[in-house]
Amino acid sequence: MLRMIIKPTQAEVEAVLTAPDAGPLSMTEIAYRVALLQGVDPGDLVTSDQIQKAVSHYTLKNLLAAMTVNGLAVRTSAFRRGQNRPVWESREAHAARMQAEDEQRQAALMAKAQHGAWAELAARHDEEYAELLAVHLAALAPAGSA
């Protein structure tokens, strides 16, 4: 079991936040990754309670607050297990995620608009078809039945 308390540095927190697989991370996830960076055996950090005992959350919280103020990190929120919890990510990752979400929203709007246009075209086609069918049926009907 781990005996000392790890005090994360800004460089370690930046490395965790800018890792390619990072995404938005909670304080516990950041603490876990910092501990791994410092060479802690993952077997010593099985539960979140063990992670909180191993890594100074006070130091980590202050680092994240300073990085947020300096623009190096962005604090957002994410729904996890039914709770709205704060998460952090690098500024670049946040900007990229926001751009990707915006592009997805735009694509969904375009698809919806295109679907609306196709539905309108189909309705117009149905009206024209109904008129054409009425003309043909009238032409096929016996002369005295109309």
C-alpha atoms as a PDB file:
ATOM      1  CA  MET A   1       0.000   0.000   0.000  1.00  0.00           C
ATOM      2  CA  LEU A   2       1.127   3.536  -0.739  1.00  0.00           C
ATOM      3  CA  ARG A   3       2.527   5.399   2.285  1.00  0.00           C
ATOM      4  CA  MET A   4       3.246   8.881   0.936  1.00  0.00           C
ATOM      5  CA  ILE A   5       0.870  11.478  -0.458  1.00  0.00           C
ATOM      6  CA  ILE A   6       1.552  12.488  -4.045  1.00  0.00           C
ATOM      7  CA  LYS A   7       1.515  16.209  -4.746  1.00  0.00           C
ATOM      8  CA  PRO A   8       0.844  16.704  -8.448  1.00  0.00           C
ATOM      9  CA  THR A   9       2.697  19.328 -10.447  1.00  0.00           C
ATOM     10  CA  GLN A  10       1.253  21.556 -13.148  1.00  0.00           C
ATOM     11  CA  ALA A  11       3.365  19.797 -15.780  1.00  0.00           C
ATOM     12  CA  GLU A  12       1.913  16.413 -14.773  1.00  0.00           C
ATOM     13  CA  VAL A  13      -1.644  17.722 -14.820  1.00  0.00           C
ATOM     14  CA  GLU A  14      -1.037  19.311 -18.244  1.00  0.00           C
ATOM     15  CA  ALA A  15       0.387  16.006 -19.503  1.00  0.00           C
ATOM     16  CA  VAL A  16      -2.714  14.168 -18.280  1.00  0.00           C
ATOM     17  CA  LEU A  17      -5.132  16.698 -19.791  1.00  0.00           C
ATOM     18  CA  THR A  18      -3.347  16.813 -23.155  1.00  0.00           C
ATOM     19  CA  ALA A  19      -2.964  13.043 -23.529  1.00  0.00           C
ATOM     20  CA  PRO A  20      -4.569  11.802 -26.761  1.00  0.00           C
ATOM     21  CA  ASP A  21      -7.064   9.612 -24.883  1.00  0.00           C
ATOM     22  CA  ALA A  22      -7.866  12.183 -22.194  1.00  0.00           C
ATOM     23  CA  GLY A  23     -11.241  13.724 -22.977  1.00  0.00           C
ATOM     24  CA  PRO A  24     -13.083  15.396 -20.108  1.00  0.00           C
ATOM     25  CA  LEU A  25     -11.741  13.987 -16.806  1.00  0.00           C
ATOM     26  CA  SER A  26     -12.992  14.228 -13.231  1.00  0.00           C
ATOM     27  CA  MET A  27     -10.612  15.127 -10.403  1.00  0.00           C
ATOM     28  CA  THR A  28     -10.408  11.471  -9.365  1.00  0.00           C
ATOM     29  CA  GLU A  29      -9.527  10.402 -12.917  1.00  0.00           C
ATOM     30  CA  ILE A  30      -6.877  13.127 -13.137  1.00  0.00           C
ATOM     31  CA  ALA A  31      -5.471  12.094  -9.736  1.00  0.00           C
ATOM     32  CA  TYR A  32      -5.320   8.451 -10.849  1.00  0.00           C
ATOM     33  CA  ARG A  33      -3.450   9.301 -14.043  1.00  0.00           C
ATOM     34  CA  VAL A  34      -1.034  11.606 -12.192  1.00  0.00           C
ATOM     35  CA  ALA A  35      -0.298   8.802  -9.726  1.00  0.00           C
ATOM     36  CA  LEU A  36       0.416   6.444 -12.628  1.00  0.00           C
ATOM     37  CA  LEU A  37       2.719   9.078 -14.159  1.00  0.00           C
ATOM     38  CA  GLN A  38       4.642   9.166 -10.880  1.00  0.00           C
ATOM     39  CA  GLY A  39       5.102   5.401 -11.021  1.00  0.00           C
ATOM     40  CA  VAL A  40       2.489   4.221  -8.526  1.00  0.00           C
ATOM     41  CA  ASP A  41       1.393   0.609  -8.928  1.00  0.00           C
ATOM     42  CA  PRO A  42      -2.174   0.548 -10.318  1.00  0.00           C
ATOM     43  CA  GLY A  43      -2.983  -2.212  -7.805  1.00  0.00           C
ATOM     44  CA  ASP A  44      -2.563   0.338  -5.000  1.00  0.00           C
ATOM     45  CA  LEU A  45      -5.247   2.564  -6.544  1.00  0.00           C
ATOM     46  CA  VAL A  46      -8.201   0.260  -7.035  1.00  0.00           C
ATOM     47  CA  THR A  47     -10.932   2.341  -5.390  1.00  0.00           C
ATOM     48  CA  SER A  48     -11.611   6.078  -5.538  1.00  0.00           C
ATOM     49  CA  ASP A  49     -11.035   6.189  -1.759  1.00  0.00           C
ATOM     50  CA  GLN A  50      -7.508   4.832  -2.249  1.00  0.00           C
ATOM     51  CA  ILE A  51      -6.889   7.385  -5.007  1.00  0.00           C
ATOM     52  CA  GLN A  52      -8.057  10.243  -2.788  1.00  0.00           C
ATOM     53  CA  LYS A  53      -5.775   9.056   0.022  1.00  0.00           C
ATOM     54  CA  ALA A  54      -2.794   8.734  -2.334  1.00  0.00           C
ATOM     55  CA  VAL A  55      -3.063  12.033  -4.229  1.00  0.00           C
ATOM     56  CA  SER A  56      -3.412  15.426  -2.578  1.00  0.00           C
ATOM     57  CA  HIS A  57      -6.795  16.598  -3.832  1.00  0.00           C
ATOM     58  CA  TYR A  58      -6.192  19.984  -2.223  1.00  0.00           C
ATOM     59  CA  THR A  59      -3.080  20.527  -4.376  1.00  0.00           C
ATOM     60  CA  LEU A  60      -4.821  19.147  -7.450  1.00  0.00           C
ATOM     61  CA  LYS A  61      -7.872  21.362  -6.924  1.00  0.00           C
ATOM     62  CA  ASN A  62      -5.688  24.469  -6.600  1.00  0.00           C
ATOM     63  CA  LEU A  63      -3.676  23.525  -9.703  1.00  0.00           C
ATOM     64  CA  LEU A  64      -6.836  22.997 -11.743  1.00  0.00           C
ATOM     65  CA  ALA A  65      -8.281  26.300 -10.534  1.00  0.00           C
ATOM     66  CA  ALA A  66      -5.080  28.138 -11.504  1.00  0.00           C
ATOM     67  CA  MET A  67      -4.935  26.390 -14.878  1.00  0.00           C
ATOM     68  CA  THR A  68      -8.570  27.322 -15.531  1.00  0.00           C
ATOM     69  CA  VAL A  69      -7.899  30.969 -14.705  1.00  0.00           C
ATOM     70  CA  ASN A  70      -4.778  30.963 -16.915  1.00  0.00           C
ATOM     71  CA  GLY A  71      -6.707  29.413 -19.799  1.00  0.00           C
ATOM     72  CA  LEU A  72      -4.748  26.155 -19.833  1.00  0.00           C
ATOM     73  CA  ALA A  73      -7.732  24.064 -18.783  1.00  0.00           C
ATOM     74  CA  VAL A  74     -11.488  24.334 -19.159  1.00  0.00           C
ATOM     75  CA  ARG A  75     -13.932  23.306 -16.453  1.00  0.00           C
ATOM     76  CA  THR A  76     -17.207  21.935 -17.755  1.00  0.00           C
ATOM     77  CA  SER A  77     -19.683  19.435 -16.423  1.00  0.00           C
ATOM     78  CA  ALA A  78     -20.689  15.934 -17.403  1.00  0.00           C
ATOM     79  CA  PHE A  79     -23.459  13.628 -16.352  1.00  0.00           C
ATOM     80  CA  ARG A  80     -22.011  10.576 -14.677  1.00  0.00           C
ATOM     81  CA  ARG A  81     -24.089   8.049 -12.806  1.00  0.00           C
ATOM     82  CA  GLY A  82     -27.002  10.471 -12.690  1.00  0.00           C
ATOM     83  CA  GLN A  83     -24.979  13.334 -11.243  1.00  0.00           C
ATOM     84  CA  ASN A  84     -23.822  16.534 -12.857  1.00  0.00           C
ATOM     85  CA  ARG A  85     -20.127  16.502 -11.939  1.00  0.00           C
ATOM     86  CA  PRO A  86     -17.353  18.932 -12.820  1.00  0.00           C
ATOM     87  CA  VAL A  87     -14.791  17.714 -15.332  1.00  0.00           C
ATOM     88  CA  TRP A  88     -11.681  19.334 -16.777  1.00  0.00           C
ATOM     89  CA  GLU A  89      -9.975  19.139 -20.130  1.00  0.00           C
ATOM     90  CA  SER A  90      -7.288  21.042 -21.983  1.00  0.00           C
ATOM     91  CA  ARG A  91      -8.334  24.189 -23.805  1.00  0.00           C
ATOM     92  CA  GLU A  92      -7.433  22.664 -27.175  1.00  0.00           C
ATOM     93  CA  ALA A  93      -9.359  19.453 -26.500  1.00  0.00           C
ATOM     94  CA  HIS A  94     -12.355  21.473 -25.332  1.00  0.00           C
ATOM     95  CA  ALA A  95     -12.286  23.636 -28.474  1.00  0.00           C
ATOM     96  CA  ALA A  96     -11.989  20.545 -30.694  1.00  0.00           C
ATOM     97  CA  ARG A  97     -14.843  18.790 -28.875  1.00  0.00           C
ATOM     98  CA  MET A  98     -17.057  21.881 -29.107  1.00  0.00           C
ATOM     99  CA  GLN A  99     -16.302  22.201 -32.840  1.00  0.00           C
ATOM    100  CA  ALA A 100     -17.092  18.511 -33.414  1.00  0.00           C
ATOM    101  CA  GLU A 101     -20.367  18.832 -31.491  1.00  0.00           C
ATOM    102  CA  ASP A 102     -21.242  21.957 -33.497  1.00  0.00           C
ATOM    103  CA  GLU A 103     -20.509  20.148 -36.772  1.00  0.00           C
ATOM    104  CA  GLN A 104     -22.706  17.229 -35.658  1.00  0.00           C
ATOM    105  CA  ARG A 105     -25.502  19.655 -34.790  1.00  0.00           C
ATOM    106  CA  GLN A 106     -25.156  21.365 -38.178  1.00  0.00           C
ATOM    107  CA  ALA A 107     -25.183  18.004 -39.977  1.00  0.00           C
ATOM    108  CA  ALA A 108     -28.320  16.980 -38.068  1.00  0.00           C
ATOM    109  CA  LEU A 109     -30.000  20.270 -38.986  1.00  0.00           C
ATOM    110  CA  MET A 110     -29.023  19.831 -42.630  1.00  0.00           C
ATOM    111  CA  ALA A 111     -30.335  16.257 -42.620  1.00  0.00           C
ATOM    112  CA  LYS A 112     -33.575  17.429 -41.049  1.00  0.00           C
ATOM    113  CA  ALA A 113     -33.906  20.234 -43.599  1.00  0.00           C
ATOM    114  CA  GLN A 114     -33.110  17.838 -46.427  1.00  0.00           C
ATOM    115  CA  HIS A 115     -35.664  15.358 -45.083  1.00  0.00           C
ATOM    116  CA  GLY A 116     -38.207  18.186 -44.961  1.00  0.00           C
ATOM    117  CA  ALA A 117     -37.403  19.109 -48.552  1.00  0.00           C
ATOM    118  CA  TRP A 118     -37.792  15.480 -49.648  1.00  0.00           C
ATOM    119  CA  ALA A 119     -41.083  15.200 -47.766  1.00  0.00           C
ATOM    120  CA  GLU A 120     -42.346  18.380 -49.440  1.00  0.00           C
ATOM    121  CA  LEU A 121     -41.249  17.093 -52.841  1.00  0.00           C
ATOM    122  CA  ALA A 122     -42.975  13.743 -52.214  1.00  0.00           C
ATOM    123  CA  ALA A 123     -46.186  15.486 -51.135  1.00  0.00           C
ATOM    124  CA  ARG A 124     -46.099  17.659 -54.257  1.00  0.00           C
ATOM    125  CA  HIS A 125     -45.454  14.550 -56.348  1.00  0.00           C
ATOM    126  CA  ASP A 126     -48.396  12.790 -54.675  1.00  0.00           C
ATOM    127  CA  GLU A 127     -50.678  15.743 -55.506  1.00  0.00           C
ATOM    128  CA  GLU A 128     -49.545  15.764 -59.140  1.00  0.00           C
ATOM    129  CA  TYR A 129     -49.972  11.996 -59.321  1.00  0.00           C
ATOM    130  CA  ALA A 130     -53.495  12.234 -57.859  1.00  0.00           C
ATOM    131  CA  GLU A 131     -54.429  14.908 -60.441  1.00  0.00           C
ATOM    132  CA  LEU A 132     -52.967  12.845 -63.263  1.00  0.00           C
ATOM    133  CA  LEU A 133     -54.775   9.735 -62.034  1.00  0.00           C
ATOM    134  CA  ALA A 134     -58.086  11.652 -61.892  1.00  0.00           C
ATOM    135  CA  VAL A 135     -57.610  12.814 -65.504  1.00  0.00           C
ATOM    136  CA  HIS A 136     -56.862   9.266 -66.671  1.00  0.00           C
ATOM    137  CA  LEU A 137     -59.797   7.812 -64.753  1.00  0.00           C
ATOM    138  CA  ALA A 138     -62.074  10.468 -66.220  1.00  0.00           C
ATOM    139  CA  ALA A 139     -60.813   9.592 -69.710  1.00  0.00           C
ATOM    140  CA  LEU A 140     -61.438   5.890 -69.111  1.00  0.00           C
ATOM    141  CA  ALA A 141     -64.939   6.361 -67.715  1.00  0.00           C
ATOM    142  CA  PRO A 142     -67.872   5.831 -70.092  1.00  0.00           C
ATOM    143  CA  ALA A 143     -69.185   9.061 -71.575  1.00  0.00           C
ATOM    144  CA  GLY A 144     -72.581   8.982 -69.877  1.00  0.00           C
ATOM    145  CA  SER A 145     -71.382   7.961 -66.368  1.00  0.00           C
ATOM    146  CA  ALA A 146     -69.872  11.300 -65.454  1.00  0.00           C
END
